[in-house]
C-alpha atoms as a PDB file:
ATOM      1  CA  MET A   1       0.500  27.872  40.582  1.00  0.00           C
ATOM      2  CA  THR A   2      -0.445  28.817  37.047  1.00  0.00           C
ATOM      3  CA  ALA A   3      -0.544  26.314  34.231  1.00  0.00           C
ATOM      4  CA  PRO A   4       2.217  26.569  31.622  1.00  0.00           C
ATOM      5  CA  PRO A   5       1.199  28.204  28.356  1.00  0.00           C
ATOM      6  CA  PRO A   6       0.237  25.821  25.547  1.00  0.00           C
ATOM      7  CA  PRO A   7       3.059  25.001  23.153  1.00  0.00           C
ATOM      8  CA  ALA A   8       3.333  27.297  20.177  1.00  0.00           C
ATOM      9  CA  ARG A   9       1.956  25.816  17.005  1.00  0.00           C
ATOM     10  CA  ALA A  10       4.752  24.909  14.631  1.00  0.00           C
ATOM     11  CA  ARG A  11       4.596  26.741  11.337  1.00  0.00           C
ATOM     12  CA  LEU A  12       5.125  24.343   8.477  1.00  0.00           C
ATOM     13  CA  LYS A  13       5.223  24.811   4.746  1.00  0.00           C
ATOM     14  CA  PRO A  14       2.020  23.622   3.034  1.00  0.00           C
ATOM     15  CA  GLU A  15       3.619  20.445   1.680  1.00  0.00           C
ATOM     16  CA  GLU A  16       5.126  19.690   5.097  1.00  0.00           C
ATOM     17  CA  ARG A  17       1.764  20.176   6.812  1.00  0.00           C
ATOM     18  CA  ARG A  18       0.018  17.907   4.310  1.00  0.00           C
ATOM     19  CA  ALA A  19       2.665  15.228   4.830  1.00  0.00           C
ATOM     20  CA  GLN A  20       2.320  15.588   8.618  1.00  0.00           C
ATOM     21  CA  LEU A  21      -1.469  15.211   8.501  1.00  0.00           C
ATOM     22  CA  ILE A  22      -1.283  12.186   6.206  1.00  0.00           C
ATOM     23  CA  GLY A  23       1.320  10.571   8.476  1.00  0.00           C
ATOM     24  CA  ILE A  24      -0.971  11.073  11.472  1.00  0.00           C
ATOM     25  CA  GLY A  25      -3.810   9.491   9.503  1.00  0.00           C
ATOM     26  CA  LEU A  26      -1.690   6.448   8.639  1.00  0.00           C
ATOM     27  CA  ARG A  27      -0.797   5.955  12.315  1.00  0.00           C
ATOM     28  CA  LEU A  28      -4.404   6.335  13.479  1.00  0.00           C
ATOM     29  CA  LEU A  29      -5.595   3.983  10.752  1.00  0.00           C
ATOM     30  CA  THR A  30      -3.900   1.079  12.533  1.00  0.00           C
ATOM     31  CA  THR A  31      -6.219   1.520  15.520  1.00  0.00           C
ATOM     32  CA  ARG A  32      -9.616   2.025  13.865  1.00  0.00           C
ATOM     33  CA  PRO A  33     -11.436   1.821  10.526  1.00  0.00           C
ATOM     34  CA  ILE A  34     -10.937   4.899   8.381  1.00  0.00           C
ATOM     35  CA  HIS A  35     -14.597   5.946   8.558  1.00  0.00           C
ATOM     36  CA  GLU A  36     -14.253   6.089  12.363  1.00  0.00           C
ATOM     37  CA  MET A  37     -11.186   8.313  12.267  1.00  0.00           C
ATOM     38  CA  SER A  38     -11.980  11.649  13.868  1.00  0.00           C
ATOM     39  CA  ILE A  39     -10.881  14.758  11.994  1.00  0.00           C
ATOM     40  CA  ASP A  40     -10.883  16.595  15.313  1.00  0.00           C
ATOM     41  CA  GLU A  41      -8.406  14.068  16.711  1.00  0.00           C
ATOM     42  CA  VAL A  42      -6.144  14.376  13.670  1.00  0.00           C
ATOM     43  CA  ALA A  43      -6.152  18.170  14.014  1.00  0.00           C
ATOM     44  CA  ALA A  44      -5.473  17.937  17.755  1.00  0.00           C
ATOM     45  CA  VAL A  45      -2.496  15.612  17.270  1.00  0.00           C
ATOM     46  CA  ALA A  46      -1.124  18.011  14.645  1.00  0.00           C
ATOM     47  CA  GLY A  47      -1.675  20.972  16.956  1.00  0.00           C
ATOM     48  CA  ILE A  48      -3.873  22.807  14.465  1.00  0.00           C
ATOM     49  CA  SER A  49      -7.517  23.752  14.195  1.00  0.00           C
ATOM     50  CA  ARG A  50     -10.090  21.641  12.397  1.00  0.00           C
ATOM     51  CA  GLY A  51     -10.596  24.533  10.002  1.00  0.00           C
ATOM     52  CA  LEU A  52      -6.916  24.570   9.048  1.00  0.00           C
ATOM     53  CA  LEU A  53      -7.028  20.850   8.272  1.00  0.00           C
ATOM     54  CA  PHE A  54      -9.863  21.536   5.841  1.00  0.00           C
ATOM     55  CA  HIS A  55      -7.673  24.168   4.214  1.00  0.00           C
ATOM     56  CA  TYR A  56      -5.414  21.328   3.047  1.00  0.00           C
ATOM     57  CA  PHE A  57      -8.154  18.739   2.446  1.00  0.00           C
ATOM     58  CA  PRO A  58     -11.502  20.285   1.387  1.00  0.00           C
ATOM     59  CA  THR A  59     -13.578  17.405   2.797  1.00  0.00           C
ATOM     60  CA  LYS A  60     -13.192  14.547   5.227  1.00  0.00           C
ATOM     61  CA  ARG A  61     -13.422  12.169   2.282  1.00  0.00           C
ATOM     62  CA  ASP A  62     -10.570  13.972   0.500  1.00  0.00           C
ATOM     63  CA  TYR A  63      -8.442  13.467   3.591  1.00  0.00           C
ATOM     64  CA  TYR A  64      -9.288   9.765   3.842  1.00  0.00           C
ATOM     65  CA  VAL A  65      -8.462   9.229   0.155  1.00  0.00           C
ATOM     66  CA  ALA A  66      -5.121  11.031   0.585  1.00  0.00           C
ATOM     67  CA  VAL A  67      -4.234   8.790   3.543  1.00  0.00           C
ATOM     68  CA  VAL A  68      -5.037   5.592   1.639  1.00  0.00           C
ATOM     69  CA  ARG A  69      -3.204   6.854  -1.455  1.00  0.00           C
ATOM     70  CA  ALA A  70      -0.107   7.582   0.631  1.00  0.00           C
ATOM     71  CA  GLY A  71      -0.180   4.069   2.052  1.00  0.00           C
ATOM     72  CA  GLY A  72      -0.377   2.622  -1.452  1.00  0.00           C
ATOM     73  CA  ASP A  73       2.396   4.887  -2.743  1.00  0.00           C
ATOM     74  CA  ARG A  74       4.715   3.657   0.009  1.00  0.00           C
ATOM     75  CA  LEU A  75       4.117   0.065  -1.034  1.00  0.00           C
ATOM     76  CA  LEU A  76       4.727   0.852  -4.711  1.00  0.00           C
ATOM     77  CA  LEU A  77       7.975   2.584  -3.814  1.00  0.00           C
ATOM     78  CA  HIS A  78       9.308  -0.705  -2.408  1.00  0.00           C
ATOM     79  CA  ALA A  79       7.728  -3.243  -4.790  1.00  0.00           C
ATOM     80  CA  ARG A  80       9.821  -2.386  -7.839  1.00  0.00           C
ATOM     81  CA  ALA A  81      11.817  -4.485 -10.280  1.00  0.00           C
ATOM     82  CA  PRO A  82      15.514  -3.763 -10.701  1.00  0.00           C
ATOM     83  CA  GLU A  83      16.343  -2.065 -13.988  1.00  0.00           C
ATOM     84  CA  GLU A  84      18.652  -4.908 -15.075  1.00  0.00           C
ATOM     85  CA  GLY A  85      18.495  -8.678 -14.740  1.00  0.00           C
ATOM     86  CA  THR A  86      16.697 -11.727 -16.030  1.00  0.00           C
ATOM     87  CA  PRO A  87      12.900 -11.895 -15.851  1.00  0.00           C
ATOM     88  CA  GLY A  88      13.234 -14.140 -12.794  1.00  0.00           C
ATOM     89  CA  GLU A  89      15.547 -11.687 -11.040  1.00  0.00           C
ATOM     90  CA  ARG A  90      13.309  -8.744 -11.856  1.00  0.00           C
ATOM     91  CA  VAL A  91      10.199 -10.555 -10.594  1.00  0.00           C
ATOM     92  CA  ARG A  92      12.059 -11.558  -7.431  1.00  0.00           C
ATOM     93  CA  GLY A  93      12.891  -7.896  -6.806  1.00  0.00           C
ATOM     94  CA  ILE A  94       9.199  -6.980  -6.869  1.00  0.00           C
ATOM     95  CA  VAL A  95       8.160  -9.926  -4.695  1.00  0.00           C
ATOM     96  CA  ASP A  96      10.913  -9.352  -2.144  1.00  0.00           C
ATOM     97  CA  GLY A  97      10.049  -5.649  -1.892  1.00  0.00           C
ATOM     98  CA  PHE A  98       6.337  -6.407  -1.576  1.00  0.00           C
ATOM     99  CA  VAL A  99       6.692  -9.118   1.082  1.00  0.00           C
ATOM    100  CA  SER A 100       9.284  -7.191   3.096  1.00  0.00           C
ATOM    101  CA  PHE A 101       7.167  -4.031   3.075  1.00  0.00           C
ATOM    102  CA  VAL A 102       3.975  -5.830   4.140  1.00  0.00           C
ATOM    103  CA  GLN A 103       5.731  -7.737   6.916  1.00  0.00           C
ATOM    104  CA  ARG A 104       7.524  -4.661   8.294  1.00  0.00           C
ATOM    105  CA  ARG A 105       4.384  -2.501   8.246  1.00  0.00           C
ATOM    106  CA  LYS A 106       1.738  -5.148   8.728  1.00  0.00           C
ATOM    107  CA  ASP A 107      -0.641  -3.083  10.877  1.00  0.00           C
ATOM    108  CA  ASN A 108      -0.572  -0.137   8.465  1.00  0.00           C
ATOM    109  CA  TYR A 109      -0.946  -2.346   5.419  1.00  0.00           C
ATOM    110  CA  VAL A 110      -3.887  -4.278   6.818  1.00  0.00           C
ATOM    111  CA  ALA A 111      -5.520  -0.985   7.818  1.00  0.00           C
ATOM    112  CA  VAL A 112      -5.211   0.354   4.261  1.00  0.00           C
ATOM    113  CA  VAL A 113      -6.656  -2.871   2.813  1.00  0.00           C
ATOM    114  CA  ARG A 114      -9.564  -2.720   5.261  1.00  0.00           C
ATOM    115  CA  ALA A 115     -10.159   0.904   4.322  1.00  0.00           C
ATOM    116  CA  ALA A 116     -10.431  -0.134   0.681  1.00  0.00           C
ATOM    117  CA  ALA A 117     -12.885  -2.863   1.662  1.00  0.00           C
ATOM    118  CA  GLY A 118     -15.087  -0.296   3.421  1.00  0.00           C
ATOM    119  CA  GLY A 119     -17.107   0.452   0.306  1.00  0.00           C
ATOM    120  CA  ASP A 120     -16.134   4.081  -0.413  1.00  0.00           C
ATOM    121  CA  ALA A 121     -15.844   4.312  -4.208  1.00  0.00           C
ATOM    122  CA  ARG A 122     -12.932   6.770  -4.233  1.00  0.00           C
ATOM    123  CA  VAL A 123     -10.935   4.800  -1.671  1.00  0.00           C
ATOM    124  CA  LEU A 124     -11.604   1.601  -3.614  1.00  0.00           C
ATOM    125  CA  GLU A 125     -10.454   3.336  -6.800  1.00  0.00           C
ATOM    126  CA  VAL A 126      -7.100   4.157  -5.174  1.00  0.00           C
ATOM    127  CA  PHE A 127      -6.722   0.545  -4.072  1.00  0.00           C
ATOM    128  CA  GLU A 128      -7.597  -0.718  -7.561  1.00  0.00           C
ATOM    129  CA  ASP A 129      -5.059   1.677  -9.116  1.00  0.00           C
ATOM    130  CA  ASN A 130      -2.342   0.201  -6.882  1.00  0.00           C
ATOM    131  CA  ARG A 131      -3.327  -3.341  -7.860  1.00  0.00           C
ATOM    132  CA  ARG A 132      -3.253  -2.363 -11.529  1.00  0.00           C
ATOM    133  CA  VAL A 133       0.230  -0.877 -11.219  1.00  0.00           C
ATOM    134  CA  LEU A 134       1.527  -3.946  -9.377  1.00  0.00           C
ATOM    135  CA  THR A 135      -0.022  -6.273 -11.949  1.00  0.00           C
ATOM    136  CA  ASP A 136       1.582  -4.294 -14.791  1.00  0.00           C
ATOM    137  CA  ARG A 137       4.956  -4.329 -13.045  1.00  0.00           C
ATOM    138  CA  VAL A 138       4.878  -8.093 -12.487  1.00  0.00           C
ATOM    139  CA  LEU A 139       3.813  -8.820 -16.063  1.00  0.00           C
ATOM    140  CA  ASP A 140       6.467  -6.499 -17.477  1.00  0.00           C
ATOM    141  CA  ALA A 141       9.202  -7.962 -15.256  1.00  0.00           C
ATOM    142  CA  ALA A 142       8.180 -11.488 -16.257  1.00  0.00           C
ATOM    143  CA  GLY A 143       8.452 -10.562 -19.929  1.00  0.00           C
ATOM    144  CA  ALA A 144       4.706 -10.806 -20.641  1.00  0.00           C
ATOM    145  CA  HIS A 145       4.413  -7.668 -22.759  1.00  0.00           C
ATOM    146  CA  ASP A 146       1.134  -8.541 -24.483  1.00  0.00           C
ATOM    147  CA  PRO A 147      -0.900 -10.288 -21.767  1.00  0.00           C
ATOM    148  CA  THR A 148      -4.429 -11.518 -22.366  1.00  0.00           C
ATOM    149  CA  PRO A 149      -7.230 -10.450 -19.995  1.00  0.00           C
ATOM    150  CA  LEU A 150      -7.127 -13.948 -18.473  1.00  0.00           C
ATOM    151  CA  HIS A 151      -3.365 -13.683 -17.944  1.00  0.00           C
ATOM    152  CA  ARG A 152      -3.844 -10.354 -16.134  1.00  0.00           C
ATOM    153  CA  LEU A 153      -6.591 -11.903 -14.015  1.00  0.00           C
ATOM    154  CA  ALA A 154      -4.311 -14.791 -13.067  1.00  0.00           C
ATOM    155  CA  VAL A 155      -1.566 -12.390 -11.939  1.00  0.00           C
ATOM    156  CA  ARG A 156      -4.097 -10.365  -9.909  1.00  0.00           C
ATOM    157  CA  GLY A 157      -5.161 -13.597  -8.243  1.00  0.00           C
ATOM    158  CA  TRP A 158      -1.528 -14.405  -7.525  1.00  0.00           C
ATOM    159  CA  LEU A 159      -1.125 -10.923  -5.992  1.00  0.00           C
ATOM    160  CA  ALA A 160      -4.063 -11.578  -3.669  1.00  0.00           C
ATOM    161  CA  MET A 161      -2.417 -14.834  -2.586  1.00  0.00           C
ATOM    162  CA  ALA A 162       0.931 -13.089  -2.082  1.00  0.00           C
ATOM    163  CA  GLU A 163      -0.736 -10.435   0.039  1.00  0.00           C
ATOM    164  CA  GLU A 164      -2.549 -12.979   2.224  1.00  0.00           C
ATOM    165  CA  MET A 165       0.598 -15.042   2.740  1.00  0.00           C
ATOM    166  CA  ALA A 166       2.748 -12.003   3.528  1.00  0.00           C
ATOM    167  CA  ILE A 167       0.215 -10.862   6.128  1.00  0.00           C
ATOM    168  CA  GLY A 168      -0.346 -14.276   7.702  1.00  0.00           C
ATOM    169  CA  ALA A 169       3.121 -15.839   7.644  1.00  0.00           C
ATOM    170  CA  GLY A 170       5.258 -15.298  10.724  1.00  0.00           C
ATOM    171  CA  ASP A 171       8.822 -16.562  11.221  1.00  0.00           C
ATOM    172  CA  GLU A 172       7.440 -19.598  13.015  1.00  0.00           C
ATOM    173  CA  VAL A 173       5.692 -20.597   9.768  1.00  0.00           C
ATOM    174  CA  VAL A 174       8.183 -19.627   7.065  1.00  0.00           C
ATOM    175  CA  THR A 175      11.138 -17.289   6.708  1.00  0.00           C
ATOM    176  CA  THR A 176      10.790 -14.238   4.485  1.00  0.00           C
ATOM    177  CA  ALA A 177      13.368 -15.652   2.052  1.00  0.00           C
ATOM    178  CA  ASP A 178      11.511 -18.978   1.757  1.00  0.00           C
ATOM    179  CA  LEU A 179       8.184 -17.191   1.306  1.00  0.00           C
ATOM    180  CA  VAL A 180       9.653 -15.102  -1.509  1.00  0.00           C
ATOM    181  CA  ASP A 181      10.972 -18.306  -3.136  1.00  0.00           C
ATOM    182  CA  LEU A 182       7.541 -19.919  -2.868  1.00  0.00           C
ATOM    183  CA  LEU A 183       5.726 -16.924  -4.363  1.00  0.00           C
ATOM    184  CA  VAL A 184       8.212 -16.515  -7.225  1.00  0.00           C
ATOM    185  CA  SER A 185       7.876 -20.219  -8.028  1.00  0.00           C
ATOM    186  CA  ALA A 186       4.068 -19.960  -8.019  1.00  0.00           C
ATOM    187  CA  LEU A 187       4.175 -16.967 -10.333  1.00  0.00           C
ATOM    188  CA  GLU A 188       6.554 -18.734 -12.708  1.00  0.00           C
ATOM    189  CA  GLN A 189       4.043 -21.575 -13.008  1.00  0.00           C
ATOM    190  CA  VAL A 190       1.292 -19.094 -13.842  1.00  0.00           C
ATOM    191  CA  THR A 191       3.326 -17.232 -16.456  1.00  0.00           C
ATOM    192  CA  GLU A 192       4.743 -20.427 -18.007  1.00  0.00           C
ATOM    193  CA  ARG A 193       1.261 -21.850 -18.390  1.00  0.00           C
ATOM    194  CA  PHE A 194       0.048 -18.765 -20.248  1.00  0.00           C
ATOM    195  CA  SER A 195       3.229 -18.607 -22.347  1.00  0.00           C
ATOM    196  CA  SER A 196       2.714 -22.199 -23.467  1.00  0.00           C
ATOM    197  CA  ARG A 197      -0.898 -21.434 -24.422  1.00  0.00           C
ATOM    198  CA  SER A 198       0.172 -18.532 -26.632  1.00  0.00           C
ATOM    199  CA  THR A 199       2.686 -20.598 -28.637  1.00  0.00           C
END
């Protein structure tokens, strides 16, 4: 009995192929550090040759950076302030989107954070860009339009706390709604303290 022929390789548009390869990378990232991710495995899962993968991403490092950037972009898509509302409501929108995203995609999020901690300068730059955007969004939503360097540092520290709590808190510890309340309250204390200093 002869073996069935291998499945025909699907022909995708360039942007579709790039998105497919990045999606595979994000899934694999939950099972291993990014520097241990095999390009051969990614190509095999996609049903393409290693050489074709390098047509879309010139180097392995370019591919890794694209995967981490995509993970960060997905977070930023969810952690947004509503266009209208009070500063408190706008901040709550960011916090709720951030916490909900991290808790729904915990494995992927932790994998992206670990990738940034791996020491690669370009990957770390992507991670820092995401933190900068989030910091700017929180400050803008809170009405802090001319923050001092120390104010920005305090909000970055609050973001690190929010991240750690969103990763570590299960339903048996605190509900998502209560965690959002706690984080919004903590941020209000930070911003109020700096507002009182500036007056």
